[in-house]
Protein backbone atom coordinates (compact mmCIF):
# COMPACT_ATOMS: atom_id res chain seq x y z
CA MET A 1 18.67 -35.23 -21.25
CA SER A 2 14.93 -35.00 -20.47
CA LEU A 3 12.63 -32.40 -22.01
CA SER A 4 12.38 -30.40 -18.77
CA GLU A 5 16.16 -30.38 -18.35
CA GLN A 6 16.55 -29.28 -21.97
CA GLU A 7 14.10 -26.43 -21.35
CA ASP A 8 16.10 -25.36 -18.30
CA GLU A 9 19.38 -25.36 -20.21
CA ASP A 10 17.88 -23.40 -23.11
CA MET A 11 16.45 -20.82 -20.73
CA ARG A 12 19.81 -20.43 -18.97
CA ARG A 13 21.47 -19.70 -22.32
CA ALA A 14 18.75 -17.19 -23.20
CA ILE A 15 19.23 -15.34 -19.92
CA ALA A 16 22.99 -15.27 -20.38
CA LEU A 17 22.57 -13.76 -23.85
CA SER A 18 20.09 -11.24 -22.47
CA LEU A 19 22.57 -10.21 -19.80
CA ARG A 20 25.28 -9.68 -22.40
CA HIS A 21 22.99 -7.78 -24.73
CA GLU A 22 21.26 -5.51 -22.25
CA SER A 23 24.00 -4.67 -19.80
CA GLY A 24 26.44 -3.13 -22.27
CA ASN A 25 25.99 0.62 -21.80
CA GLN A 26 22.88 0.59 -19.64
CA GLN A 27 23.05 1.34 -15.97
CA LYS A 28 20.92 -1.12 -14.01
CA LYS A 29 18.04 0.69 -12.36
CA HIS A 30 15.19 -0.47 -10.17
CA GLU A 31 16.30 -4.07 -10.19
CA VAL A 32 14.30 -6.56 -8.19
CA ILE A 33 15.73 -8.98 -5.69
CA VAL A 34 15.09 -12.41 -7.20
CA VAL A 35 15.46 -15.29 -4.83
CA ASP A 36 16.54 -17.79 -7.50
CA SER A 37 20.21 -16.80 -7.35
CA ASP A 38 21.77 -19.73 -9.16
CA SER A 39 20.23 -18.82 -12.54
CA SER A 40 18.40 -22.14 -12.69
CA THR A 41 15.09 -21.76 -14.48
CA THR A 42 12.08 -23.58 -15.75
CA ASP A 43 9.93 -22.84 -18.74
CA ASP A 44 7.96 -20.48 -16.52
CA GLU A 45 8.88 -16.86 -15.99
CA ALA A 46 12.66 -16.60 -15.77
CA PRO A 47 14.14 -15.45 -12.44
CA CYS A 48 16.18 -12.69 -14.01
CA VAL A 49 17.88 -9.63 -12.50
CA THR A 50 18.83 -7.98 -15.75
CA ALA A 51 17.71 -4.51 -16.69
CA ALA A 52 15.86 -6.11 -19.59
CA ILE A 53 12.85 -7.03 -17.49
CA GLN A 54 12.79 -4.08 -15.13
CA PRO A 55 10.43 -1.17 -15.63
CA LYS A 56 12.04 2.17 -16.45
CA LEU A 57 10.89 4.58 -13.78
CA PRO A 58 11.34 8.34 -13.78
CA GLU A 59 14.62 9.52 -12.30
CA THR A 60 12.74 11.36 -9.57
CA GLU A 61 11.27 8.18 -8.13
CA THR A 62 12.77 6.36 -5.18
CA LYS A 63 15.80 4.34 -6.17
CA SER A 64 15.85 0.61 -5.64
CA ALA A 65 17.94 -1.39 -3.25
CA PHE A 66 20.63 -2.02 -5.85
CA ASP A 67 21.22 1.72 -6.33
CA LYS A 68 22.25 2.12 -2.68
CA PRO A 69 25.49 1.22 -0.90
CA MET A 70 26.04 -1.66 1.50
CA MET A 71 23.08 -3.73 0.38
CA GLY A 72 22.44 -7.27 1.48
CA ILE A 73 21.12 -9.88 -0.89
CA LEU A 74 17.55 -9.06 0.17
CA GLY A 75 18.00 -5.42 -0.79
CA LEU A 76 18.00 -4.01 2.73
CA ASP A 77 20.18 -0.92 3.31
CA ARG A 78 21.07 -1.86 6.87
CA LYS A 79 23.30 1.17 7.49
CA ALA A 80 20.70 3.69 6.32
CA MET A 81 17.93 1.94 8.25
CA GLU A 82 19.97 2.06 11.42
CA GLN A 83 20.72 5.75 10.90
CA GLU A 84 17.01 6.45 10.43
CA ARG A 85 16.22 4.56 13.61
CA LEU A 86 18.78 6.52 15.63
CA ALA A 87 17.54 9.82 14.18
CA ARG A 88 13.98 9.01 15.20
CA LYS A 89 15.16 8.07 18.65
CA ARG A 90 16.97 11.40 19.09
CA LYS A 91 13.85 13.34 18.04
CA ALA A 92 11.41 11.37 20.15
CA SER A 93 10.88 12.07 23.84
CA ILE A 94 10.30 8.39 24.52
CA SER A 95 11.66 5.19 23.03
CA PRO A 96 9.85 3.58 20.13
CA PRO A 97 6.98 1.34 21.23
CA PRO A 98 7.98 -2.26 21.95
CA ALA A 99 6.83 -5.06 19.68
CA ARG A 100 3.38 -6.40 20.37
CA LYS A 101 2.79 -9.58 22.27
CA THR A 102 3.10 -12.71 20.16
CA PRO A 103 0.14 -12.89 17.74
CA LYS A 104 -2.26 -15.72 18.28
CA LEU A 105 -1.69 -17.01 14.76
CA ALA A 106 1.88 -18.11 15.37
CA ASP A 107 4.56 -18.94 17.87
CA THR A 108 7.14 -16.19 17.33
CA THR A 109 9.98 -18.41 18.46
CA SER A 110 12.10 -18.51 15.36
CA LYS A 111 14.24 -21.41 14.32
CA ASP A 112 16.43 -18.97 12.42
CA PRO A 113 19.22 -17.09 14.23
CA THR A 114 18.29 -13.45 14.89
CA SER A 115 19.88 -10.62 16.81
CA SER A 116 18.34 -8.83 19.75
CA ALA A 117 18.56 -5.43 18.11
CA SER A 118 15.36 -3.40 18.05
CA THR A 119 13.44 -3.47 14.80
CA PRO A 120 13.75 -0.33 12.67
CA GLN A 121 10.55 1.28 11.49
CA VAL A 122 10.78 1.84 7.76
CA ASP A 123 7.22 2.76 6.87
CA ALA A 124 7.04 5.43 4.19
CA PRO A 125 4.42 8.16 4.44
CA THR A 126 1.23 6.88 2.89
CA LYS A 127 -2.49 7.33 2.98
CA ILE A 128 -3.95 5.80 6.14
CA ILE A 129 -6.12 2.79 5.37
CA PRO A 130 -9.16 2.66 7.70
CA SER A 131 -9.13 -0.05 10.33
CA PHE A 132 -11.57 -2.94 10.27
CA HIS A 133 -14.89 -2.63 12.02
CA PHE A 134 -15.36 -5.46 14.46
CA GLY A 135 -18.03 -7.86 13.26
CA LYS A 136 -17.85 -6.64 9.66
CA LEU A 137 -15.39 -8.28 7.30
CA PRO A 138 -14.99 -6.66 3.89
CA HIS A 139 -14.43 -9.89 1.95
CA ALA A 140 -16.30 -12.48 4.01
CA ASN A 141 -17.63 -14.19 0.89
CA GLY A 142 -14.43 -13.83 -1.13
CA ALA A 143 -13.56 -11.45 -3.94
CA VAL A 144 -11.63 -11.38 -7.20
CA LYS A 145 -9.94 -8.10 -8.08
CA LYS A 146 -7.46 -6.63 -10.51
CA THR A 147 -4.32 -4.97 -9.24
CA TRP A 148 -4.51 -1.18 -9.18
CA ALA A 149 -2.64 0.45 -12.07
CA LEU A 150 -1.00 3.86 -12.13
CA GLY A 151 -2.58 6.12 -14.74
CA HIS A 152 -5.79 4.10 -15.10
CA PRO A 153 -9.24 4.74 -13.57
CA ARG A 154 -10.06 2.66 -10.52
CA ASP A 155 -12.55 -0.09 -11.32
CA ASN A 156 -12.81 -3.25 -9.21
CA ASP A 157 -9.11 -3.02 -8.42
CA ILE A 158 -7.07 -3.12 -5.23
CA LYS A 159 -3.71 -1.87 -3.97
CA LEU A 160 -1.29 -3.93 -1.92
CA GLU A 161 -1.75 -1.46 0.97
CA GLU A 162 -5.49 -2.11 0.88
CA ILE A 163 -4.87 -5.84 1.11
CA LEU A 164 -2.35 -5.63 3.95
CA GLN A 165 -4.33 -3.16 6.13
CA LYS A 166 -1.15 -2.58 8.11
CA GLU A 167 -2.75 -0.73 11.03
CA ASP A 168 -4.37 -3.95 12.26
CA LEU A 169 -2.02 -6.56 10.81
CA THR A 170 -0.41 -8.73 13.50
CA LEU A 171 1.24 -11.40 11.39
CA ALA A 172 1.94 -11.81 7.68
CA VAL A 173 3.05 -15.04 6.02
CA LEU A 174 4.18 -14.10 2.51
CA SER A 175 5.26 -16.36 -0.33
CA SER A 176 6.60 -15.07 -3.63
CA PHE A 177 8.89 -15.94 -6.53
CA GLN A 178 10.39 -12.45 -6.90
CA TRP A 179 10.98 -9.99 -4.09
CA ASP A 180 11.68 -6.32 -3.51
CA VAL A 181 11.99 -6.49 0.26
CA GLU A 182 12.80 -2.86 0.97
CA TRP A 183 9.74 -1.76 -1.03
CA LEU A 184 7.57 -4.33 0.74
CA LEU A 185 8.66 -3.30 4.24
CA ARG A 186 7.54 0.26 3.60
CA LYS A 187 3.99 -1.10 3.43
CA ILE A 188 4.11 -2.94 6.77
CA LYS A 189 4.47 -1.72 10.35
CA THR A 190 7.67 -3.62 10.92
CA ASN A 191 7.90 -2.87 14.64
CA THR A 192 4.49 -4.36 15.47
CA THR A 193 3.88 -6.99 12.77
CA GLN A 194 5.46 -10.41 12.80
CA MET A 195 6.49 -11.57 9.32
CA VAL A 196 7.38 -14.92 7.79
CA PHE A 197 8.87 -14.85 4.29
CA VAL A 198 8.60 -18.12 2.34
CA MET A 199 11.52 -17.87 -0.09
CA GLN A 200 13.50 -19.96 -2.53
CA ALA A 201 17.08 -20.72 -1.50
CA ASN A 202 18.90 -23.43 -3.40
CA THR A 203 21.94 -23.80 -1.10
CA GLU A 204 22.79 -23.52 2.57
CA GLU A 205 25.07 -20.60 1.73
CA ILE A 206 22.15 -18.64 0.28
CA LYS A 207 20.00 -19.44 3.31
CA THR A 208 22.75 -18.21 5.63
CA GLU A 209 23.11 -14.98 3.67
CA TYR A 210 19.38 -14.34 3.76
CA ARG A 211 19.32 -14.92 7.52
CA ASN A 212 22.27 -12.62 8.05
CA ASN A 213 20.56 -9.87 6.06
CA THR A 214 17.45 -10.05 8.25
CA ALA A 215 19.19 -10.74 11.57
CA HIS A 216 18.81 -7.10 12.65
CA MET A 217 15.03 -7.41 12.28
CA PRO A 218 13.74 -9.88 14.89
CA ASN A 219 10.15 -9.61 13.61
CA ILE A 220 11.14 -11.30 10.35
CA ARG A 221 11.52 -15.05 10.09
CA LEU A 222 12.41 -17.01 6.98
CA CYS A 223 11.00 -20.28 5.66
CA PHE A 224 12.81 -22.26 2.97
CA PRO A 225 10.84 -24.95 1.11
CA SER A 226 12.81 -27.97 -0.07
CA MET A 227 14.71 -27.45 -3.31
CA GLU A 228 16.10 -30.99 -3.39
CA GLY A 229 16.04 -33.37 -6.32
CA GLN A 230 14.10 -32.21 -9.35
CA VAL A 231 12.57 -29.14 -7.66
CA ASN A 232 13.62 -26.10 -9.62
CA CYS A 233 11.34 -23.21 -8.77
CA MET A 234 9.42 -21.99 -5.70
CA HIS A 235 6.88 -20.14 -7.83
CA SER A 236 3.84 -20.03 -5.51
CA LYS A 237 2.30 -16.73 -4.46
CA LEU A 238 0.32 -16.74 -1.22
CA MET A 239 -0.46 -14.45 1.71
CA LEU A 240 -1.84 -15.46 5.10
CA LEU A 241 -2.64 -12.24 6.97
CA SER A 242 -3.70 -12.42 10.62
CA TYR A 243 -5.78 -9.74 12.33
CA PRO A 244 -7.43 -9.66 15.78
CA THR A 245 -10.78 -10.58 14.23
CA HIS A 246 -9.96 -12.79 11.26
CA LEU A 247 -7.57 -14.43 8.83
CA ARG A 248 -7.25 -13.07 5.31
CA VAL A 249 -6.18 -15.62 2.69
CA VAL A 250 -4.84 -13.99 -0.47
CA VAL A 251 -3.87 -15.82 -3.68
CA PRO A 252 -2.40 -13.35 -6.18
CA THR A 253 -0.83 -13.87 -9.57
CA ALA A 254 1.58 -11.07 -8.65
CA ASN A 255 5.06 -11.28 -7.17
CA LEU A 256 6.12 -8.96 -4.37
CA VAL A 257 7.64 -6.34 -6.65
CA PRO A 258 6.27 -2.84 -7.40
CA TYR A 259 5.54 -3.27 -11.10
CA ASP A 260 3.39 -6.36 -10.47
CA TRP A 261 1.23 -4.22 -8.16
CA GLY A 262 0.60 -1.48 -10.70
CA GLU A 263 3.03 1.12 -9.40
CA THR A 264 4.53 1.65 -12.86
CA GLY A 265 1.27 1.25 -14.78
CA ILE A 266 2.65 -1.37 -17.14
CA MET A 267 1.73 -4.80 -15.71
CA GLU A 268 -1.60 -6.23 -14.63
CA ASN A 269 -2.31 -9.05 -12.17
CA THR A 270 -5.34 -10.60 -10.47
CA ILE A 271 -6.03 -11.40 -6.82
CA PHE A 272 -8.39 -13.70 -4.99
CA LEU A 273 -8.92 -12.90 -1.30
CA ILE A 274 -11.28 -14.04 1.42
CA ASP A 275 -11.71 -13.06 5.10
CA LEU A 276 -12.31 -15.90 7.57
CA PRO A 277 -13.51 -14.98 11.09
CA ARG A 278 -11.63 -16.08 14.17
CA LEU A 279 -13.40 -18.79 16.16
CA ALA A 280 -14.29 -18.44 19.80
CA PRO A 281 -11.70 -20.28 21.94
CA LYS A 282 -14.18 -22.92 23.12
CA THR A 283 -15.05 -23.92 19.55
CA ILE A 284 -11.50 -24.47 18.31
CA THR A 285 -10.88 -28.06 17.24
CA SER A 286 -9.13 -29.72 14.31
CA ALA A 287 -12.36 -31.62 13.53
CA SER A 288 -14.74 -28.66 13.85
CA PRO A 289 -17.75 -28.28 11.56
CA THR A 290 -15.87 -25.45 9.84
CA MET A 291 -13.38 -27.94 8.35
CA THR A 292 -13.47 -27.85 4.54
CA ASN A 293 -11.46 -29.40 1.74
CA PHE A 294 -10.06 -25.92 1.10
CA ARG A 295 -8.62 -25.79 4.61
CA GLU A 296 -7.25 -29.33 4.48
CA ASP A 297 -5.50 -28.77 1.16
CA LEU A 298 -4.13 -25.43 2.35
CA ILE A 299 -2.69 -27.15 5.43
CA HIS A 300 -1.26 -29.93 3.26
CA PHE A 301 0.50 -27.31 1.14
CA LEU A 302 1.82 -25.37 4.16
CA GLU A 303 3.26 -28.58 5.59
CA ALA A 304 5.02 -29.28 2.30
CA MET A 305 6.43 -25.74 2.35
CA ARG A 306 7.92 -26.48 5.80
CA LEU A 307 6.11 -23.65 7.49
CA GLU A 308 6.27 -23.51 11.29
CA LYS A 309 3.94 -26.00 12.96
CA SER A 310 2.44 -23.33 15.21
CA ILE A 311 1.26 -21.36 12.18
CA ILE A 312 -0.14 -24.46 10.52
CA ASP A 313 -1.96 -25.50 13.67
CA SER A 314 -3.45 -22.03 13.99
CA MET A 315 -5.49 -22.62 10.83
CA HIS A 316 -7.89 -24.45 13.17
CA HIS A 317 -8.54 -21.13 14.95
CA PHE A 318 -10.54 -19.74 12.03
CA ASP A 319 -13.92 -20.47 10.50
CA PHE A 320 -13.40 -21.82 6.96
CA SER A 321 -17.11 -22.40 6.33
CA ALA A 322 -17.13 -19.77 3.58
CA THR A 323 -14.69 -21.92 1.56
CA LYS A 324 -16.92 -25.01 1.41
CA ASP A 325 -17.62 -24.57 -2.31
CA LEU A 326 -14.12 -23.35 -3.20
CA ALA A 327 -10.94 -25.38 -3.68
CA PHE A 328 -7.32 -24.65 -2.85
CA VAL A 329 -5.15 -26.43 -5.42
CA HIS A 330 -1.39 -26.67 -5.51
CA THR A 331 1.68 -28.23 -7.03
CA ILE A 332 4.22 -29.61 -4.56
CA GLY A 333 7.66 -29.81 -6.08
CA GLY A 334 9.48 -33.14 -6.22
CA ALA A 335 8.44 -36.76 -6.64
CA ASN A 336 4.94 -37.24 -5.25
CA THR A 337 4.19 -40.91 -4.59
CA SER A 338 1.73 -42.98 -2.60
CA ASP A 339 4.28 -43.36 0.20
CA GLY A 340 5.17 -39.67 0.50
CA PRO A 341 3.05 -36.65 -0.49
CA SER A 342 0.20 -38.23 -2.38
CA TRP A 343 0.26 -37.74 -6.13
CA ARG A 344 -3.54 -37.60 -6.15
CA ARG A 345 -3.56 -34.39 -4.06
CA THR A 346 -1.29 -32.15 -6.11
CA GLY A 347 -0.47 -30.97 -9.62
CA TYR A 348 -2.97 -31.68 -12.38
CA CYS A 349 -4.04 -34.83 -10.50
CA GLY A 350 -5.03 -32.65 -7.54
CA LEU A 351 -6.83 -30.33 -9.94
CA GLY A 352 -8.99 -33.20 -11.20
CA ARG A 353 -9.62 -34.34 -7.63
CA ALA A 354 -10.74 -30.83 -6.61
CA ILE A 355 -13.10 -30.58 -9.59
CA SER A 356 -14.73 -33.86 -8.56
CA GLN A 357 -15.03 -32.80 -4.92
CA LEU A 358 -16.79 -29.59 -5.95
CA GLY A 359 -19.31 -31.52 -8.05
CA LEU A 360 -17.99 -29.98 -11.28
CA ALA A 361 -16.91 -33.21 -12.99
CA THR A 362 -18.47 -33.76 -16.39
CA GLU A 363 -18.12 -35.90 -19.49
CA ASP A 364 -19.36 -33.05 -21.68
CA ALA A 365 -16.98 -31.33 -24.07
CA LEU A 366 -15.40 -28.24 -22.53
CA ASN A 367 -14.30 -24.78 -23.56
CA ILE A 368 -11.03 -23.93 -21.80
CA ASP A 369 -9.54 -20.44 -21.96
CA TYR A 370 -6.08 -20.37 -20.34
CA ILE A 371 -4.54 -16.93 -19.78
CA THR A 372 -0.86 -17.37 -19.04
CA SER A 373 2.24 -15.19 -18.62
CA SER A 374 4.57 -18.01 -19.65
CA VAL A 375 4.20 -20.71 -22.29
CA GLY A 376 6.15 -23.94 -21.96
CA SER A 377 7.03 -26.66 -24.44
CA LEU A 378 3.45 -27.73 -25.10
CA ASN A 379 2.08 -30.71 -26.99
CA THR A 380 -1.27 -32.39 -27.38
CA GLU A 381 -0.57 -35.08 -24.75
CA PHE A 382 0.12 -32.55 -21.98
CA LEU A 383 -2.87 -30.41 -22.91
CA SER A 384 -4.99 -33.57 -22.87
CA THR A 385 -3.99 -34.17 -19.24
CA LEU A 386 -5.12 -30.64 -18.32
CA TYR A 387 -8.31 -31.05 -20.33
CA LEU A 388 -9.22 -34.33 -18.66
CA ALA A 389 -8.34 -32.90 -15.23
CA ALA A 390 -10.77 -30.07 -15.97
CA GLN A 391 -13.41 -32.75 -16.54
CA GLY A 392 -12.58 -34.31 -13.16
CA ASP A 393 -10.03 -36.99 -14.09
CA GLU A 394 -7.38 -37.51 -11.39
CA GLY A 395 -4.58 -38.21 -13.85
CA THR A 396 -5.13 -41.88 -14.55
CA ALA A 397 -6.51 -41.63 -18.10
CA VAL A 398 -3.38 -40.37 -19.88
CA TYR A 399 -1.21 -42.37 -17.46
CA ASN A 400 -2.92 -45.58 -18.57
CA TRP A 401 -2.57 -44.66 -22.24
CA ARG A 402 1.18 -44.30 -21.77
CA THR A 403 1.94 -47.13 -19.35
CA MET A 404 -0.51 -49.98 -19.96
CA PRO A 405 1.53 -52.95 -21.31
CA ALA A 406 0.28 -54.26 -24.61
CA SER A 407 0.22 -57.77 -23.17
CA LYS A 408 -2.46 -56.74 -20.65
CA LEU A 409 -4.69 -55.03 -23.15
CA SER A 410 -7.61 -56.91 -24.57
CA LYS A 411 -8.76 -55.88 -27.98
CA LEU A 412 -11.88 -54.28 -26.48
CA VAL A 413 -9.97 -52.34 -23.80
CA ASP A 414 -7.35 -51.29 -26.30
CA ARG A 415 -10.01 -50.09 -28.73
CA ASN A 416 -11.89 -48.18 -26.00
CA MET A 417 -8.70 -46.49 -24.82
CA GLN A 418 -7.80 -45.48 -28.34
CA VAL A 419 -11.24 -43.99 -28.86
CA ALA A 420 -11.03 -42.10 -25.55
CA GLN A 421 -7.58 -40.77 -26.42
CA GLN A 422 -8.66 -39.65 -29.87
CA THR A 423 -11.78 -38.01 -28.43
CA ALA A 424 -9.77 -36.05 -25.85
CA GLN A 425 -7.27 -34.88 -28.46
CA LYS A 426 -10.09 -33.79 -30.77
CA GLN A 427 -11.80 -31.90 -27.95
CA VAL A 428 -8.53 -30.17 -27.06
CA ALA A 429 -8.14 -29.03 -30.66
CA MET A 430 -11.68 -27.68 -30.74
CA GLY A 431 -12.10 -26.19 -27.26
CA PHE A 432 -8.69 -25.35 -25.70
CA ARG A 433 -7.36 -21.81 -26.19
CA ILE A 434 -4.16 -20.31 -24.77
CA TYR A 435 -3.94 -16.54 -24.39
CA PHE A 436 -0.52 -14.93 -24.57
CA PRO A 437 0.47 -11.50 -25.92
CA SER A 438 1.89 -11.34 -29.43
CA LEU A 439 5.10 -9.46 -30.14
CA GLU A 440 2.97 -6.79 -31.76
CA THR A 441 0.94 -6.38 -28.56
CA VAL A 442 4.08 -6.18 -26.43
CA ARG A 443 5.62 -3.56 -28.72
CA ALA A 444 2.44 -1.48 -28.53
CA SER A 445 2.23 -1.74 -24.73
CA THR A 446 2.96 1.19 -22.40
CA GLY A 447 6.25 -0.26 -21.23
CA GLY A 448 7.26 -1.81 -24.53
CA PRO A 449 9.46 -4.89 -24.98
CA HIS A 450 11.96 -3.56 -22.43
CA ASN A 451 9.37 -4.18 -19.69
CA GLY A 452 7.97 -7.49 -20.94
CA GLY A 453 10.66 -9.79 -19.59
CA THR A 454 8.40 -11.59 -17.12
CA ILE A 455 6.15 -12.56 -20.03
CA CYS A 456 8.07 -15.60 -21.28
CA PHE A 457 7.89 -17.69 -24.44
CA GLN A 458 10.74 -19.17 -26.47
CA SER A 459 10.59 -19.24 -30.25
CA LYS A 460 12.04 -22.74 -30.07
CA TRP A 461 8.79 -24.05 -28.60
CA TRP A 462 6.70 -22.21 -31.22
CA ASN A 463 8.80 -23.70 -34.01
CA SER A 464 8.51 -27.25 -32.65
CA ALA A 465 6.59 -29.60 -34.90
CA THR A 466 4.45 -30.75 -31.96
CA PHE A 467 3.57 -27.29 -30.63
CA PRO A 468 -0.21 -26.63 -30.91
CA ARG A 469 0.04 -23.29 -32.72
CA ASP A 470 -3.64 -23.19 -33.64
CA LEU A 471 -4.57 -22.94 -29.96
CA LEU A 472 -2.64 -19.74 -29.28
CA ARG A 473 -4.49 -16.41 -29.16
CA ASP A 474 -3.29 -12.85 -28.76
CA CYS A 475 -4.03 -11.49 -25.28
CA LYS A 476 -4.77 -7.85 -24.46
CA SER A 477 -5.88 -6.14 -21.29
CA ARG A 478 -9.02 -4.04 -21.25
CA ARG A 479 -6.81 -1.38 -19.65
CA GLU A 480 -5.17 -0.04 -22.77
CA GLY A 481 -1.42 -0.54 -23.00
CA MET A 482 -1.01 -2.91 -20.05
CA LEU A 483 0.56 -6.35 -20.28
CA MET A 484 -0.86 -9.17 -18.18
CA HIS A 485 1.03 -11.33 -15.74
CA ASN A 486 -2.16 -13.26 -14.97
CA LYS A 487 -2.56 -17.02 -14.70
CA ILE A 488 -6.30 -17.58 -15.09
CA ILE A 489 -8.31 -20.48 -16.48
CA TYR A 490 -11.97 -20.24 -17.50
CA VAL A 491 -13.75 -23.58 -18.03
CA TYR A 492 -17.33 -24.02 -19.24
CA PRO A 493 -19.10 -26.95 -20.98
CA THR A 494 -20.09 -26.46 -24.59
CA SER A 495 -23.53 -27.84 -23.70
CA GLN A 496 -24.22 -25.04 -21.21
CA PRO A 497 -24.54 -21.48 -22.51
CA LEU A 498 -22.67 -18.82 -20.57
CA THR A 499 -26.00 -17.20 -19.72
CA SER A 500 -26.75 -20.20 -17.45
CA SER A 501 -23.24 -20.51 -16.02
CA HIS A 502 -24.30 -19.13 -12.64
CA SER A 503 -27.11 -21.65 -12.09
CA SER A 504 -26.86 -24.16 -9.26
CA THR A 505 -26.28 -26.99 -11.76
CA SER A 506 -23.53 -25.21 -13.67
CA LYS A 507 -20.28 -27.10 -14.26
CA SER A 508 -18.39 -23.91 -15.14
CA TRP A 509 -15.48 -22.67 -13.04
CA SER A 510 -12.35 -20.55 -13.02
CA TYR A 511 -8.82 -20.87 -11.65
CA ILE A 512 -6.66 -18.03 -10.30
CA GLY A 513 -3.14 -18.70 -9.08
CA SER A 514 0.54 -18.97 -9.88
CA ALA A 515 0.52 -21.88 -12.36
CA ASN A 516 1.42 -21.02 -15.94
CA CYS A 517 0.59 -23.25 -18.89
CA SER A 518 3.52 -25.65 -18.62
CA GLU A 519 4.36 -29.15 -17.51
CA SER A 520 6.75 -27.72 -14.91
CA ALA A 521 3.78 -26.01 -13.24
CA TRP A 522 1.36 -28.96 -13.30
CA GLY A 523 3.60 -32.04 -13.24
CA ARG A 524 3.84 -35.33 -15.15
CA LEU A 525 2.50 -38.66 -13.88
CA VAL A 526 4.90 -41.53 -14.60
CA LYS A 527 5.43 -45.10 -13.41
CA ASP A 528 8.07 -45.43 -10.70
CA ARG A 529 10.79 -47.78 -11.92
CA GLN A 530 11.24 -49.42 -8.53
CA THR A 531 7.73 -49.62 -7.09
CA LYS A 532 5.92 -49.78 -10.45
CA GLN A 533 3.39 -47.38 -8.92
CA PRO A 534 2.32 -43.93 -10.16
CA LYS A 535 4.62 -41.03 -9.31
CA LEU A 536 3.89 -37.38 -10.08
CA ASN A 537 7.07 -35.47 -10.92
CA CYS A 538 6.78 -31.73 -10.34
CA ARG A 539 9.54 -29.18 -10.90
CA ASN A 540 7.68 -26.17 -9.47
CA CYS A 541 5.81 -25.22 -6.32
CA GLU A 542 2.52 -23.52 -7.22
CA CYS A 543 -0.85 -22.70 -5.67
CA GLY A 544 -4.22 -21.34 -6.71
CA VAL A 545 -7.97 -21.42 -6.10
CA ILE A 546 -10.91 -22.91 -7.98
CA ILE A 547 -14.04 -20.72 -8.04
CA PRO A 548 -17.23 -22.28 -9.46
CA PHE A 549 -19.20 -19.83 -11.58
CA ARG A 550 -22.22 -20.51 -9.40
CA ARG A 551 -20.20 -19.16 -6.45
CA ALA A 552 -18.89 -16.19 -8.42
CA SER A 553 -22.44 -14.87 -8.74
CA THR A 554 -22.43 -14.20 -4.98
CA MET A 555 -19.09 -12.39 -5.15
CA ALA A 556 -20.21 -8.93 -6.15
CA ASP A 557 -16.74 -7.67 -7.00
CA SER A 558 -15.56 -10.64 -9.05
CA GLY A 559 -15.18 -10.82 -12.78
CA GLY A 560 -12.79 -11.17 -15.66
CA GLU A 561 -10.86 -8.39 -17.27
CA GLU A 562 -9.30 -9.98 -20.32
CA ARG A 563 -10.15 -9.73 -23.94
CA THR A 564 -9.03 -11.92 -26.79
CA GLY A 565 -7.54 -11.36 -30.18
CA GLY A 566 -6.91 -13.64 -33.12
CA LYS A 567 -4.68 -16.64 -33.61
CA ALA A 568 -1.05 -15.75 -33.06
CA GLY A 569 0.88 -15.73 -36.29
CA ASP A 570 -2.22 -15.78 -38.45
CA ASP A 571 -2.76 -12.24 -39.73
CA ALA A 572 -5.37 -13.32 -42.27
CA ASP A 573 -7.79 -14.46 -39.58
CA LYS A 574 -6.88 -11.85 -36.99
CA GLU A 575 -9.61 -9.32 -37.74
CA GLN A 576 -12.38 -11.93 -37.67
CA SER A 577 -11.00 -13.55 -34.51
CA GLU A 578 -10.92 -10.18 -32.75
CA LYS A 579 -14.56 -9.67 -33.64
CA GLU A 580 -15.38 -13.10 -32.21
CA GLY A 581 -13.36 -12.28 -29.10
CA LYS A 582 -15.26 -9.03 -28.55
CA ALA A 583 -18.55 -10.85 -29.03
CA LYS A 584 -17.49 -13.39 -26.42
CA GLU A 585 -16.46 -10.57 -24.08
CA ARG A 586 -19.93 -9.03 -24.31
CA SER A 587 -21.60 -12.39 -23.67
CA SER A 588 -19.47 -13.14 -20.62
């Protein structure tokens, strides 16, 4: 049994025990529809539907899909929605408005079977978000924001409603690991907005059930990425939002569930978003000057997700010039080879490639601060691959250390490789830090341990002899009492002070996306037994963005929100480490 398979089996047992322990006398409330229905997990956040990970909401709040009768697997109360539609029809003097003409971003011809029934409008009363002003895009240069949080002052944060801007939204392509569909649909004008949900479905039976549960809503189409072979988790979080004037690309760390978007005030996430203007029809071409590496890698990822060709082709209708010094990075699940999806373009190999393309590659020693909501079975070799990728290596360094036959190594090459390996491991020990909340921090949080179930770490990994305990740090939000579901990496050379990180020559950068600190999220490069060529094995699908610090200086509403504590498990050094963390916070 391989290490990844062993992690999966251990996680399945842990979830089963959690189900037994938590479900005894507790009534399940506000459960979230999780698309991973076969209980298969990775070392990332566990797709769990137990009450143990759900926020406890006041009894007066709206009940979730599971609390209502006749629910489909997506949490849609079809009977109630139909009754609401008929009631509106009886009250209205005219029929509900017909669906808009097919949006330019996509061909609305669905490959999935749908009924011809009219789409029910399920929008809940909410504050009207102002429409866009033509010619003025709010996030034309990109922005990084925290999710809004109930009970906390607003400060560089954003609500899901403010991202969706439903009054002008014509098409929404949404990808998530966890879903609360009924909650989501209340934030979208379902009778005028076309929607494509990119969801995990491990079997044809699950796909059929999902289709049946959305068949009464012809404006919803479903996309199912491949879950064949070693692929275990469709963990990516991505939004492509089409408006008459532009495309909004959103990369959140949040799933499409209410507590990830601050509606319970217990969990914090981070969002990158950028608005890209629509091109004039005469300037649309696949080889236009607005082509960037960001766009090409986004398209490569969408193709791997099996999104409709019409939507993929429509990426050429928008001006991606503003992404020229950004990178879209991803992990495509499965075996990535030279013959199929290239191993150089995805996972940690793709990360190193993107760093090189952005001119951020360096041989200098690095500081790496990795904020994660899930910690896998880590060891120095895996962290070395991430470290070298952060320097711009495309995965070949550690691959050569592991696969180069002794017979082909000269004494000089062997000695040089050993020195390089020892140097990387030493630099990891000195400059790599992993931020994850301690049990003490979780207990002191607003929601407490009962609401920390999407923050995952097994004691088995901590107790492993090869686990790098000294690299772990306690992680706390600046918003008192909140836990963080963020996946953020800050990278800056030790030779460059943070005060100069925004200069044009800076090699500093940050990552925001769905990838936790685990091999499942970033992959493992091995030698294919048949072809003897490199093959990147990836168990997850992930995506994120790279933002150079020099670019962040032009993004007025960007910035970090984390603070650090001491080494986990080391109470003696905790006070001093917290002081150092606060000093670092002030300097950054």
